[in-house]
N, C-alpha and C. Protein backbone atom coordinates (compact mmCIF):
# COMPACT_ATOMS: atom_id res chain seq x y z
N ILE A 1 1.08 -1.05 0.08
CA ILE A 1 0.27 -0.05 -0.19
C ILE A 1 0.96 1.25 0.02
N VAL A 2 0.37 2.21 -0.57
CA VAL A 2 1.14 3.51 -0.83
C VAL A 2 0.57 4.71 -0.61
N GLY A 3 0.69 5.58 0.16
CA GLY A 3 0.17 6.59 0.98
C GLY A 3 0.87 7.92 0.55
N GLU A 4 -0.29 8.99 0.77
CA GLU A 4 -0.02 10.11 0.10
C GLU A 4 0.92 11.18 1.80
N LEU A 5 1.71 11.45 1.87
CA LEU A 5 2.05 12.70 2.80
C LEU A 5 0.76 13.52 3.48
N THR A 6 0.66 13.54 4.28
CA THR A 6 -0.24 15.10 4.34
C THR A 6 -0.06 15.28 5.82
N ARG A 7 0.16 16.93 6.30
CA ARG A 7 0.45 17.52 7.54
C ARG A 7 -0.86 18.20 7.75
N PHE A 8 -1.01 18.23 9.04
CA PHE A 8 -2.38 18.79 9.94
C PHE A 8 -1.75 19.77 11.13
N GLU A 9 -2.72 20.74 11.21
CA GLU A 9 -1.84 21.21 12.75
C GLU A 9 -2.59 20.80 13.82
N SER A 10 -2.40 20.42 14.66
CA SER A 10 -3.16 19.94 16.19
C SER A 10 -2.57 21.44 16.85
N ARG A 11 -3.07 20.52 18.28
CA ARG A 11 -2.35 21.20 19.65
C ARG A 11 -2.11 20.59 20.42
N SER A 12 -1.89 21.07 21.81
CA SER A 12 -1.12 19.61 23.13
C SER A 12 -1.80 20.66 24.04
N PRO A 13 -3.36 20.57 24.44
CA PRO A 13 -3.47 21.32 25.61
C PRO A 13 -3.50 20.17 26.38
N ALA A 14 -3.42 21.04 27.97
CA ALA A 14 -2.50 20.35 28.90
C ALA A 14 -3.81 19.17 29.58
N ASP A 15 -4.52 19.24 29.51
CA ASP A 15 -5.98 18.43 30.38
C ASP A 15 -6.79 18.86 29.88
N PHE A 16 -8.26 18.39 30.24
CA PHE A 16 -9.58 18.26 29.45
C PHE A 16 -10.48 19.65 29.71
N ALA A 17 -10.41 19.78 30.90
CA ALA A 17 -10.62 21.17 31.44
C ALA A 17 -10.41 22.34 30.79
N PRO A 18 -8.92 22.52 30.59
CA PRO A 18 -8.18 23.79 29.97
C PRO A 18 -8.96 23.71 28.22
N MET A 19 -8.65 22.36 27.78
CA MET A 19 -9.14 22.23 26.05
C MET A 19 -10.15 22.84 26.08
N LEU A 20 -11.27 22.26 27.25
CA LEU A 20 -12.87 22.64 27.11
C LEU A 20 -13.34 24.03 26.79
N SER A 21 -12.37 24.51 27.74
CA SER A 21 -12.55 26.26 27.95
C SER A 21 -11.76 27.06 26.66
N GLY A 22 -11.16 26.21 25.80
CA GLY A 22 -10.51 27.17 24.95
C GLY A 22 -8.88 26.95 24.84
N ARG A 23 -8.24 26.80 25.56
CA ARG A 23 -6.88 27.02 25.79
C ARG A 23 -6.34 25.22 25.43
N LEU A 24 -5.93 25.59 24.62
CA LEU A 24 -5.90 24.08 23.57
C LEU A 24 -4.32 24.26 23.66
N GLY A 25 -3.20 24.89 24.39
CA GLY A 25 -1.79 24.85 24.20
C GLY A 25 -1.07 25.45 22.96
N PRO A 26 0.20 24.86 22.87
CA PRO A 26 0.45 24.73 21.59
C PRO A 26 0.63 24.34 20.68
N ARG A 27 0.48 24.88 19.71
CA ARG A 27 0.81 24.76 17.93
C ARG A 27 1.83 23.49 17.65
N VAL A 28 1.33 22.54 17.09
CA VAL A 28 1.68 21.62 16.26
C VAL A 28 1.63 20.98 15.07
N VAL A 29 2.30 20.64 14.23
CA VAL A 29 2.04 20.01 12.78
C VAL A 29 2.44 18.65 13.13
N LEU A 30 1.51 17.99 12.61
CA LEU A 30 1.92 16.33 12.65
C LEU A 30 1.58 16.29 11.50
N ASN A 31 2.54 15.02 10.95
CA ASN A 31 2.27 14.12 9.59
C ASN A 31 1.11 13.29 9.88
N ALA A 32 1.24 13.30 8.60
CA ALA A 32 0.42 12.03 8.50
C ALA A 32 0.22 10.91 6.85
N GLN A 33 -0.50 10.48 6.62
CA GLN A 33 -0.70 9.15 5.33
C GLN A 33 -1.49 8.76 4.96
N LEU A 34 -2.79 9.40 3.71
CA LEU A 34 -3.68 9.23 3.67
C LEU A 34 -3.47 8.26 2.45
N PHE A 35 -4.56 7.03 2.74
CA PHE A 35 -4.35 6.15 1.70
C PHE A 35 -5.76 6.13 1.25
N ARG A 36 -5.75 5.87 -0.11
CA ARG A 36 -7.27 6.01 -0.65
C ARG A 36 -7.64 5.02 -1.73
N PRO A 37 -8.72 4.52 -1.72
CA PRO A 37 -8.94 3.12 -2.40
C PRO A 37 -9.14 3.17 -4.25
N ARG A 38 -8.94 2.59 -4.70
CA ARG A 38 -8.78 2.61 -5.82
C ARG A 38 -10.32 3.08 -6.82
N ASP A 39 -10.04 3.82 -7.58
CA ASP A 39 -11.75 4.75 -8.21
C ASP A 39 -12.40 4.94 -7.41
N CYS A 40 -12.53 5.33 -6.04
CA CYS A 40 -13.46 6.05 -5.32
C CYS A 40 -13.24 7.68 -5.77
N THR A 41 -14.41 8.36 -6.13
CA THR A 41 -14.42 10.14 -6.20
C THR A 41 -14.97 10.38 -4.72
N SER A 42 -15.83 10.28 -4.03
CA SER A 42 -16.22 10.18 -2.60
C SER A 42 -16.34 9.12 -1.43
N CYS A 43 -15.53 9.23 -1.01
CA CYS A 43 -14.95 7.98 -0.13
C CYS A 43 -15.63 8.43 1.42
N PRO A 44 -16.33 7.26 2.14
CA PRO A 44 -16.19 7.43 3.65
C PRO A 44 -14.86 7.10 4.12
N ALA A 45 -14.33 7.83 5.36
CA ALA A 45 -12.99 7.72 5.39
C ALA A 45 -12.43 7.27 6.94
N VAL A 46 -11.51 7.02 7.44
CA VAL A 46 -11.41 6.57 8.97
C VAL A 46 -9.70 7.60 9.12
N VAL A 47 -9.77 7.84 9.95
CA VAL A 47 -8.85 8.60 11.02
C VAL A 47 -8.49 7.55 11.64
N PHE A 48 -7.00 6.69 11.49
CA PHE A 48 -6.81 5.48 12.15
C PHE A 48 -5.31 6.32 12.78
N VAL A 49 -5.72 5.72 14.57
CA VAL A 49 -4.41 6.66 15.32
C VAL A 49 -3.96 5.27 15.96
N PRO A 50 -2.30 5.59 16.06
CA PRO A 50 -1.52 4.19 16.63
C PRO A 50 -1.86 4.24 18.10
N GLY A 51 -1.60 3.36 18.59
CA GLY A 51 -0.97 3.55 20.53
C GLY A 51 0.54 4.04 20.61
N SER A 52 0.59 3.98 21.92
CA SER A 52 1.59 4.30 22.75
C SER A 52 3.63 4.06 21.86
N GLY A 53 3.49 2.40 20.92
CA GLY A 53 4.56 2.69 20.08
C GLY A 53 4.54 3.17 18.86
N ASN A 54 3.59 3.69 18.32
CA ASN A 54 3.30 4.94 17.41
C ASN A 54 3.02 3.58 15.93
N ILE A 55 3.78 4.00 14.64
CA ILE A 55 3.03 3.41 13.77
C ILE A 55 4.11 2.24 13.26
N GLY A 56 3.12 1.03 13.15
CA GLY A 56 4.30 0.05 12.84
C GLY A 56 3.65 -1.11 11.46
N PRO A 57 4.30 -1.68 11.06
CA PRO A 57 3.78 -2.60 9.82
C PRO A 57 2.59 -3.20 10.32
N HIS A 58 1.65 -3.27 11.38
CA HIS A 58 0.43 -3.96 11.02
C HIS A 58 -0.28 -2.72 10.80
N HIS A 59 -0.12 -1.18 11.01
CA HIS A 59 -0.88 -0.28 10.63
C HIS A 59 -1.16 -0.50 9.27
N LEU A 60 -0.03 -0.81 8.57
CA LEU A 60 0.05 -0.41 7.50
C LEU A 60 -0.91 -1.67 6.88
N ALA A 61 -0.85 -2.95 6.91
CA ALA A 61 -1.61 -3.90 6.86
C ALA A 61 -3.50 -3.69 7.08
N GLN A 62 -3.29 -3.04 7.82
CA GLN A 62 -5.00 -2.38 8.28
C GLN A 62 -5.16 -1.65 7.41
N ALA A 63 -4.62 -0.61 7.04
CA ALA A 63 -4.80 0.16 6.06
C ALA A 63 -5.44 -0.06 4.75
N SER A 64 -4.64 -0.91 4.77
CA SER A 64 -4.72 -2.14 3.31
C SER A 64 -5.62 -2.45 3.48
N ALA A 65 -6.42 -3.28 4.44
CA ALA A 65 -7.21 -4.09 4.12
C ALA A 65 -8.98 -3.00 4.15
N LEU A 66 -8.94 -1.65 5.27
CA LEU A 66 -9.64 -0.94 4.83
C LEU A 66 -9.58 -0.14 3.77
N THR A 67 -8.80 0.15 2.76
CA THR A 67 -8.95 0.74 1.72
C THR A 67 -9.57 -0.36 0.59
N ASP A 68 -8.87 -1.14 0.41
CA ASP A 68 -9.72 -3.16 -0.22
C ASP A 68 -11.21 -2.49 0.03
N SER A 69 -11.44 -2.26 1.21
CA SER A 69 -13.00 -1.97 1.65
C SER A 69 -13.79 -0.98 0.91
N GLY A 70 -13.20 -0.23 0.50
CA GLY A 70 -13.84 0.94 0.15
C GLY A 70 -13.57 2.45 1.18
N LEU A 71 -12.93 2.33 2.02
CA LEU A 71 -12.53 3.61 2.71
C LEU A 71 -11.20 4.59 2.75
N ALA A 72 -11.31 4.92 2.80
CA ALA A 72 -9.78 6.06 2.69
C ALA A 72 -9.80 6.11 4.41
N VAL A 73 -8.31 6.01 4.18
CA VAL A 73 -7.82 5.94 5.26
C VAL A 73 -6.48 6.64 6.09
N LEU A 74 -6.50 7.73 6.99
CA LEU A 74 -5.50 8.92 7.22
C LEU A 74 -4.76 8.54 8.24
N LEU A 75 -3.70 7.91 8.47
CA LEU A 75 -3.33 7.29 9.36
C LEU A 75 -1.89 8.39 9.74
N ILE A 76 -2.25 8.95 11.44
CA ILE A 76 -1.50 9.77 11.55
C ILE A 76 -0.41 8.93 12.82
N ASP A 77 1.00 10.58 12.53
CA ASP A 77 1.48 9.88 13.62
C ASP A 77 1.60 11.31 14.61
N PRO A 78 0.79 10.86 15.80
CA PRO A 78 0.66 11.82 17.01
C PRO A 78 2.64 12.29 17.90
N PHE A 79 3.16 11.59 17.52
CA PHE A 79 4.76 11.42 17.95
C PHE A 79 5.35 12.25 17.41
N ARG A 80 5.83 12.17 16.65
CA ARG A 80 7.34 12.87 15.94
C ARG A 80 7.20 14.63 15.53
N GLY A 81 5.89 14.54 15.46
CA GLY A 81 5.56 16.31 15.08
C GLY A 81 6.37 17.12 16.70
N ARG A 82 5.90 16.37 17.71
CA ARG A 82 6.23 16.65 18.96
C ARG A 82 7.56 16.12 19.69
N GLY A 83 8.52 15.63 18.43
CA GLY A 83 9.81 15.48 18.86
C GLY A 83 9.57 14.28 20.33
N ILE A 84 8.64 13.20 19.82
CA ILE A 84 8.36 12.16 20.65
C ILE A 84 8.58 10.89 20.06
N ASP A 85 9.07 9.73 20.27
CA ASP A 85 9.41 9.02 19.15
C ASP A 85 8.18 7.68 19.74
N GLU A 86 7.77 7.62 21.10
CA GLU A 86 6.60 6.60 21.68
C GLU A 86 6.55 7.38 23.14
N THR A 87 4.98 6.64 23.69
CA THR A 87 5.09 6.85 25.10
C THR A 87 4.98 5.25 25.62
N ILE A 88 5.15 4.63 25.31
CA ILE A 88 5.26 3.45 26.15
C ILE A 88 6.12 3.12 27.60
N SER A 89 7.46 3.97 27.54
CA SER A 89 8.17 3.78 28.50
C SER A 89 7.32 4.97 29.52
N ASP A 90 6.86 6.00 28.94
CA ASP A 90 6.35 7.40 30.01
C ASP A 90 4.94 7.50 29.37
N GLN A 91 3.34 7.82 29.40
CA GLN A 91 2.38 7.69 29.08
C GLN A 91 2.49 9.60 29.11
N GLY A 92 3.11 9.90 30.19
CA GLY A 92 3.21 11.45 30.82
C GLY A 92 3.95 12.31 29.36
N LYS A 93 4.31 11.69 29.05
CA LYS A 93 5.34 12.34 27.45
C LYS A 93 4.04 12.77 26.70
N LEU A 94 2.75 12.35 26.81
CA LEU A 94 1.85 13.35 25.94
C LEU A 94 0.64 13.21 26.54
N SER A 95 0.23 14.49 26.54
CA SER A 95 -1.58 14.41 27.71
C SER A 95 -2.27 13.17 27.15
N TRP A 96 -3.27 13.11 27.70
CA TRP A 96 -4.23 12.35 26.99
C TRP A 96 -5.66 13.25 26.21
N ALA A 97 -5.62 14.76 26.52
CA ALA A 97 -6.18 15.47 26.13
C ALA A 97 -5.43 15.93 24.24
N ALA A 98 -4.24 15.83 24.62
CA ALA A 98 -3.61 16.10 23.46
C ALA A 98 -3.84 15.10 22.33
N SER A 99 -3.77 13.55 22.73
CA SER A 99 -4.20 13.02 22.25
C SER A 99 -5.44 13.30 21.57
N THR A 100 -5.95 13.08 22.58
CA THR A 100 -7.99 13.37 22.05
C THR A 100 -7.90 14.47 20.88
N PHE A 101 -7.30 15.55 21.09
CA PHE A 101 -7.25 16.67 19.85
C PHE A 101 -7.01 16.00 18.52
N ASP A 102 -5.76 15.45 18.68
CA ASP A 102 -5.79 14.68 17.51
C ASP A 102 -6.61 14.14 16.62
N VAL A 103 -7.38 14.01 17.70
CA VAL A 103 -8.51 13.30 16.55
C VAL A 103 -9.60 13.91 16.18
N ILE A 104 -9.65 15.00 16.80
CA ILE A 104 -10.36 16.29 16.06
C ILE A 104 -9.74 16.73 15.31
N ALA A 105 -8.52 17.17 15.30
CA ALA A 105 -7.58 17.69 14.52
C ALA A 105 -8.15 17.27 12.70
N ALA A 106 -7.60 15.54 13.08
CA ALA A 106 -7.29 15.14 12.03
C ALA A 106 -8.51 14.40 10.81
N VAL A 107 -10.15 14.67 11.94
CA VAL A 107 -11.04 14.41 11.30
C VAL A 107 -11.03 15.55 10.76
N ARG A 108 -10.67 16.76 11.37
CA ARG A 108 -11.28 18.21 10.41
C ARG A 108 -10.34 18.42 9.45
N HIS A 109 -9.22 17.81 9.31
CA HIS A 109 -8.50 17.90 7.63
C HIS A 109 -9.19 17.14 7.02
N ILE A 110 -9.19 15.70 7.42
CA ILE A 110 -9.18 14.75 6.25
C ILE A 110 -10.77 15.18 5.47
N ARG A 111 -11.48 15.73 6.43
CA ARG A 111 -12.85 16.60 5.61
C ARG A 111 -12.74 17.42 4.62
N THR A 112 -11.30 18.00 4.80
CA THR A 112 -11.28 19.10 3.79
C THR A 112 -10.41 18.65 2.10
N LEU A 113 -9.85 17.38 2.38
CA LEU A 113 -9.53 16.63 1.23
C LEU A 113 -10.22 15.90 0.30
N ARG A 114 -9.55 16.31 -1.05
CA ARG A 114 -10.17 16.12 -2.37
C ARG A 114 -10.96 14.59 -1.88
N GLY A 115 -11.90 13.99 -3.07
CA GLY A 115 -11.92 12.82 -2.87
C GLY A 115 -12.80 12.27 -1.60
N ILE A 116 -13.31 12.87 -0.48
CA ILE A 116 -13.97 12.42 0.80
C ILE A 116 -15.15 12.82 1.20
N ASP A 117 -15.92 12.11 1.16
CA ASP A 117 -17.52 12.14 1.61
C ASP A 117 -17.27 12.86 2.69
N GLU A 118 -17.45 13.97 3.25
CA GLU A 118 -16.94 14.44 5.04
C GLU A 118 -18.17 14.18 5.59
N ASP A 119 -18.98 14.10 5.37
CA ASP A 119 -20.21 13.68 5.78
C ASP A 119 -19.89 11.83 6.27
N ARG A 120 -19.15 10.51 5.97
CA ARG A 120 -18.66 10.02 6.81
C ARG A 120 -17.62 9.39 7.08
N VAL A 121 -17.26 10.05 8.19
CA VAL A 121 -15.70 9.98 8.37
C VAL A 121 -16.14 9.62 9.91
N GLY A 122 -14.99 7.84 10.16
CA GLY A 122 -14.91 8.01 12.06
C GLY A 122 -13.68 7.85 11.70
N ALA A 123 -13.40 7.04 13.26
CA ALA A 123 -12.08 7.20 13.76
C ALA A 123 -12.06 6.01 14.63
N ALA A 124 -10.88 5.48 14.26
CA ALA A 124 -9.80 4.11 14.87
C ALA A 124 -9.05 3.81 15.29
N GLY A 125 -8.14 3.30 16.43
CA GLY A 125 -7.40 3.49 17.30
C GLY A 125 -7.39 2.61 18.26
N ASN A 126 -5.54 2.14 18.42
CA ASN A 126 -4.99 0.86 19.27
C ASN A 126 -4.75 1.40 20.24
N SER A 127 -4.93 0.84 21.38
CA SER A 127 -4.58 1.34 22.84
C SER A 127 -4.57 2.79 23.37
N ARG A 128 -3.74 3.16 23.13
CA ARG A 128 -3.78 4.54 23.38
C ARG A 128 -4.44 5.67 22.56
N GLY A 129 -4.32 4.91 21.03
CA GLY A 129 -5.24 5.92 19.72
C GLY A 129 -6.72 5.15 20.26
N GLY A 130 -6.82 3.96 20.80
CA GLY A 130 -8.52 3.50 21.13
C GLY A 130 -8.60 4.48 21.89
N THR A 131 -8.21 4.67 23.00
CA THR A 131 -8.82 5.62 23.72
C THR A 131 -9.03 7.22 23.26
N ALA A 132 -8.02 7.25 22.57
CA ALA A 132 -8.31 8.78 22.20
C ALA A 132 -9.47 9.04 21.35
N VAL A 133 -9.57 7.79 20.46
CA VAL A 133 -11.04 8.24 19.29
C VAL A 133 -12.28 8.05 20.23
N MET A 134 -12.42 7.04 21.48
CA MET A 134 -13.61 7.37 22.08
C MET A 134 -13.63 8.57 22.61
N LEU A 135 -12.65 9.33 23.48
CA LEU A 135 -12.33 10.58 24.20
C LEU A 135 -13.25 11.52 23.17
N ALA A 136 -12.51 11.28 21.73
CA ALA A 136 -12.51 12.12 20.68
C ALA A 136 -14.26 12.53 20.28
N ALA A 137 -14.79 11.40 20.45
CA ALA A 137 -16.44 11.22 20.34
C ALA A 137 -17.16 11.32 21.26
N ALA A 138 -16.38 11.28 22.39
CA ALA A 138 -17.39 11.82 23.35
C ALA A 138 -18.30 13.25 23.27
N GLU A 139 -19.87 12.77 23.52
CA GLU A 139 -20.38 14.43 23.90
C GLU A 139 -19.67 15.86 23.32
N PRO A 140 -19.16 16.03 25.43
CA PRO A 140 -18.55 17.16 25.19
C PRO A 140 -17.94 17.41 24.65
N ILE A 141 -17.12 16.38 24.60
CA ILE A 141 -15.95 17.03 23.54
C ILE A 141 -16.16 17.58 21.63
N SER A 142 -16.81 16.03 21.73
CA SER A 142 -17.22 16.01 19.45
C SER A 142 -17.99 17.17 19.75
N LEU A 143 -19.17 17.98 20.22
CA LEU A 143 -19.74 18.93 20.67
C LEU A 143 -19.41 20.21 20.23
N ARG A 144 -18.14 20.54 20.96
CA ARG A 144 -17.66 21.68 21.49
C ARG A 144 -16.64 21.50 20.12
N PHE A 145 -16.01 20.82 19.27
CA PHE A 145 -14.86 21.16 18.23
C PHE A 145 -15.39 20.35 17.24
N LEU A 146 -16.55 19.67 16.58
CA LEU A 146 -17.13 19.31 16.15
C LEU A 146 -18.84 19.81 15.76
N GLY A 147 -19.24 20.08 16.86
CA GLY A 147 -20.51 20.29 16.07
C GLY A 147 -21.03 19.53 15.93
N LYS A 148 -22.15 19.11 15.29
CA LYS A 148 -23.32 18.40 14.75
C LYS A 148 -22.58 17.55 13.70
N SER A 149 -21.66 17.78 13.06
CA SER A 149 -20.86 17.10 12.19
C SER A 149 -20.24 16.01 12.79
N ASN A 150 -20.82 15.26 13.59
CA ASN A 150 -20.06 14.25 14.68
C ASN A 150 -18.94 13.39 13.81
N ILE A 151 -17.92 12.81 14.92
CA ILE A 151 -17.57 11.04 14.42
C ILE A 151 -18.34 10.32 13.97
N LYS A 152 -18.52 9.64 13.32
CA LYS A 152 -19.37 9.16 12.59
C LYS A 152 -19.78 7.54 13.47
N ALA A 153 -18.80 7.12 13.07
CA ALA A 153 -18.04 5.19 13.72
C ALA A 153 -16.97 5.77 14.78
N ILE A 154 -16.70 4.65 15.75
CA ILE A 154 -15.84 4.61 16.23
C ILE A 154 -15.54 3.39 16.38
N VAL A 155 -14.11 2.76 16.84
CA VAL A 155 -13.48 1.26 16.72
C VAL A 155 -12.06 1.57 17.18
N ALA A 156 -12.20 0.94 18.96
CA ALA A 156 -11.97 0.97 19.89
C ALA A 156 -10.86 0.09 20.26
N GLY A 157 -9.72 -0.58 19.47
CA GLY A 157 -9.02 -1.24 20.06
C GLY A 157 -8.26 -1.99 20.88
N TYR A 158 -8.30 -2.75 21.81
CA TYR A 158 -7.97 -2.89 23.14
C TYR A 158 -7.77 -1.03 23.86
N PRO A 159 -8.33 -0.16 24.36
CA PRO A 159 -8.09 0.73 25.08
C PRO A 159 -7.72 0.49 26.22
N TRP A 160 -7.43 2.34 26.70
CA TRP A 160 -7.07 1.74 28.45
C TRP A 160 -8.06 1.77 29.07
N CYS A 161 -7.46 0.53 30.37
CA CYS A 161 -9.36 0.09 30.61
C CYS A 161 -9.62 1.11 32.03
N GLY A 162 -8.76 2.26 32.02
CA GLY A 162 -9.58 3.33 33.47
C GLY A 162 -10.69 4.06 32.66
N THR A 163 -10.46 4.27 31.21
CA THR A 163 -10.85 4.95 31.21
C THR A 163 -12.95 4.89 31.68
N GLN A 164 -13.44 5.99 31.73
CA GLN A 164 -14.95 6.02 32.72
C GLN A 164 -15.44 6.89 32.21
N PHE A 165 -17.12 7.03 31.55
CA PHE A 165 -17.10 7.74 31.31
C PHE A 165 -18.45 8.33 32.34
N TRP A 166 -19.05 8.90 32.79
CA TRP A 166 -20.48 9.40 32.99
C TRP A 166 -21.98 9.17 32.89
N SER A 167 -21.77 8.80 31.35
CA SER A 167 -23.07 8.30 30.45
C SER A 167 -22.59 7.91 28.98
N ALA A 168 -23.73 7.41 28.44
CA ALA A 168 -23.16 6.87 27.37
C ALA A 168 -22.80 7.91 26.16
N LYS A 169 -23.99 9.07 26.92
CA LYS A 169 -23.10 9.75 25.85
C LYS A 169 -21.61 10.26 25.89
């Protein structure tokens, strides 16, 4: 599978309360690869977020399977633009709010790209990325930053088990 490099701006909020009140922290430019299915002029899309180990060969295999099924995939690198290689050794290298905002920023970005159906964008992630997509889709966050054009579906593969919500929203 061959992707095209794209970049998008995200932010690095220190925590959720500041983020929700508009204090988003420093700007950061993140890299991503966009993978497109063949012969699709208005494709549904998935923002794909890696876990604490960042991008590996298995992510490319998953992106290939998703594009083969007709979905565009934006595989983001949430670390290197911040000078981080991974967060396995120390989850405190990057706030959970920053990881969550990366999903929001990536959804906003992919909706601007040609050939993407902006009304059919979902998000998927593994481990830390799974937690980030769940949090980004949570109503208080998604409504604040995406309005009514929410993330349409999420898949959270083995997210952090400590994540708890007050309600199903």
